[in-house]
Every structure is written in structure tokens, then in C-alpha cells.
Protein backbone atom coordinates (compact mmCIF):
# COMPACT_ATOMS: atom_id res chain seq x y z
CA UNK A 1 -0.14 -0.03 0.36
CA UNK A 2 1.39 3.41 -1.13
CA UNK A 3 0.29 6.52 0.86
CA UNK A 4 2.51 9.51 0.57
CA UNK A 5 2.25 13.04 0.60
CA UNK A 6 5.21 15.90 0.50
CA UNK A 7 6.68 18.71 -1.05
CA UNK A 8 9.31 18.04 -3.83
CA UNK A 9 11.74 20.26 -5.56
CA UNK A 10 10.90 20.63 -9.01
CA UNK A 11 11.72 23.15 -11.44
CA UNK A 12 13.50 25.22 -8.76
CA UNK A 13 10.63 25.31 -6.35
CA UNK A 14 8.69 23.20 -3.89
CA UNK A 15 5.92 21.42 -5.58
CA UNK A 16 2.84 19.07 -3.57
CA UNK A 17 2.71 15.68 -4.41
CA UNK A 18 0.64 12.85 -3.33
CA UNK A 19 1.01 9.34 -4.23
CA UNK A 20 -1.44 6.63 -3.34
CA UNK A 21 -2.00 2.90 -4.57
CA UNK A 22 -2.67 -0.63 -3.28
CA UNK A 23 -0.05 -2.19 -5.38
CA UNK A 24 3.52 -0.75 -5.90
CA UNK A 25 4.09 -2.61 -9.06
CA UNK A 26 0.67 -1.09 -10.90
CA UNK A 27 1.31 1.59 -13.75
CA UNK A 28 1.30 5.18 -12.62
CA UNK A 29 -1.60 7.56 -13.25
CA UNK A 30 -0.52 11.21 -13.18
CA UNK A 31 -3.56 13.70 -12.11
CA UNK A 32 -2.48 17.09 -13.09
CA UNK A 33 -5.24 18.76 -11.83
CA UNK A 34 -6.66 22.37 -11.66
CA UNK A 35 -3.96 25.16 -12.07
CA UNK A 36 -2.51 27.23 -12.46
CA UNK A 37 -4.71 28.63 -9.57
CA UNK A 38 -7.10 26.04 -8.82
CA UNK A 39 -6.46 22.45 -7.67
CA UNK A 40 -8.68 19.52 -7.03
CA UNK A 41 -6.66 18.18 -3.87
CA UNK A 42 -8.81 19.54 -1.37
CA UNK A 43 -12.24 18.06 -3.38
CA UNK A 44 -11.00 14.48 -3.67
CA UNK A 45 -14.21 12.52 -4.63
CA UNK A 46 -14.96 9.10 -3.62
CA UNK A 47 -15.16 7.44 -6.97
CA UNK A 48 -11.54 8.47 -7.30
CA UNK A 49 -10.27 6.00 -4.67
CA UNK A 50 -11.34 3.30 -7.23
CA UNK A 51 -8.22 4.23 -9.21
CA UNK A 52 -5.97 3.13 -6.43
CA UNK A 53 -7.31 -0.74 -6.94
CA UNK A 54 -5.56 -0.43 -10.57
CA UNK A 55 -2.96 2.43 -10.25
CA UNK A 56 -0.62 4.27 -8.75
CA UNK A 57 -2.51 7.35 -8.47
CA UNK A 58 -0.30 10.65 -7.98
CA UNK A 59 -1.64 13.79 -7.74
CA UNK A 60 0.33 16.84 -8.76
CA UNK A 61 -0.41 20.55 -7.31
CA UNK A 62 1.59 22.26 -10.31
CA UNK A 63 2.89 25.82 -9.88
CA UNK A 64 0.22 28.32 -8.88
CA UNK A 65 -2.07 25.51 -7.71
CA UNK A 66 -3.15 24.25 -4.46
CA UNK A 67 -0.52 23.65 -1.97
CA UNK A 68 1.99 24.41 -4.28
CA UNK A 69 0.71 27.73 -4.41
CA UNK A 70 0.61 28.20 -0.78
CA UNK A 71 4.03 26.95 -0.47
CA UNK A 72 5.82 28.79 -3.64
CA UNK A 73 3.37 31.63 -4.41
CA UNK A 74 1.41 32.28 -7.62
CA UNK A 75 3.01 31.70 -11.07
CA UNK A 76 4.70 34.90 -12.60
CA UNK A 77 4.42 36.09 -16.07
CA UNK A 78 7.72 34.18 -16.87
CA UNK A 79 5.99 31.08 -16.51
CA UNK A 80 5.08 29.37 -19.55
CA UNK A 81 3.12 26.35 -20.78
CA UNK A 82 6.47 24.62 -21.93
CA UNK A 83 8.06 25.42 -18.76
CA UNK A 84 5.28 23.77 -16.77
CA UNK A 85 5.49 20.75 -18.88
CA UNK A 86 9.01 20.44 -18.24
CA UNK A 87 8.08 20.37 -14.65
CA UNK A 88 6.39 17.23 -15.60
CA UNK A 89 9.31 15.77 -17.10
CA UNK A 90 11.56 16.76 -14.31
CA UNK A 91 9.16 15.54 -11.80
CA UNK A 92 9.13 11.87 -13.32
CA UNK A 93 12.47 11.03 -11.37
CA UNK A 94 11.66 12.75 -8.17
CA UNK A 95 10.45 10.63 -5.30
CA UNK A 96 7.57 9.79 -4.41
CA UNK A 97 6.37 11.17 -7.78
CA UNK A 98 8.36 8.05 -9.30
CA UNK A 99 7.39 4.97 -7.39
CA UNK A 100 10.33 2.64 -6.17
């Protein structure tokens, strides 16, 4: 059973990641929700829990969203879609984002 939540350094800032799943060998399902400016992390709905039976569900509050916003502040004018995509690429290798 995986049940981890923490801030990790991605793209030079602290970003919130949670990882949950019943089987550590299941495929990863990345949920990039809200933002910038909003997040679903505080509004997790029960049917999403079913995903954890078949996947390792990784929820990411990206730049300017949710807990990342609370820790690292809003996105600035220099933030681009390409830069946010790069955060996702960089985040793949960061624990707990990438299961062991």
C-alpha cells in the first residue's frame, strides 16, 4: 500500500505531490488537476479512490495551484506552458513522484 504526500523540488520550487495505490507495481496514473490557480486536491471525490485499486495515483499541485501555491506562491509572467511541461518531465524522476 502506498500513501505518501510531500513537497518535492521540481523546476526550482517546492511542489506538492501525493502518491496512493494498493499495489506498488501498478502503472502510474498522473492526475494534473486545476491550475494554475486552482486544484482538486482539497476536493477528492470517492469514486477516484477506485483508481487506487488498479493504478498508483499521483496527484500533483503544479505551479500556482493548491498547496504548491501556498508554499511557492503564484505563477509569474515568465511561466510558460512549455516550462510547466518541463516541470512534469523533471518530476518523473523525483521521489515520491516516481515509485521505487
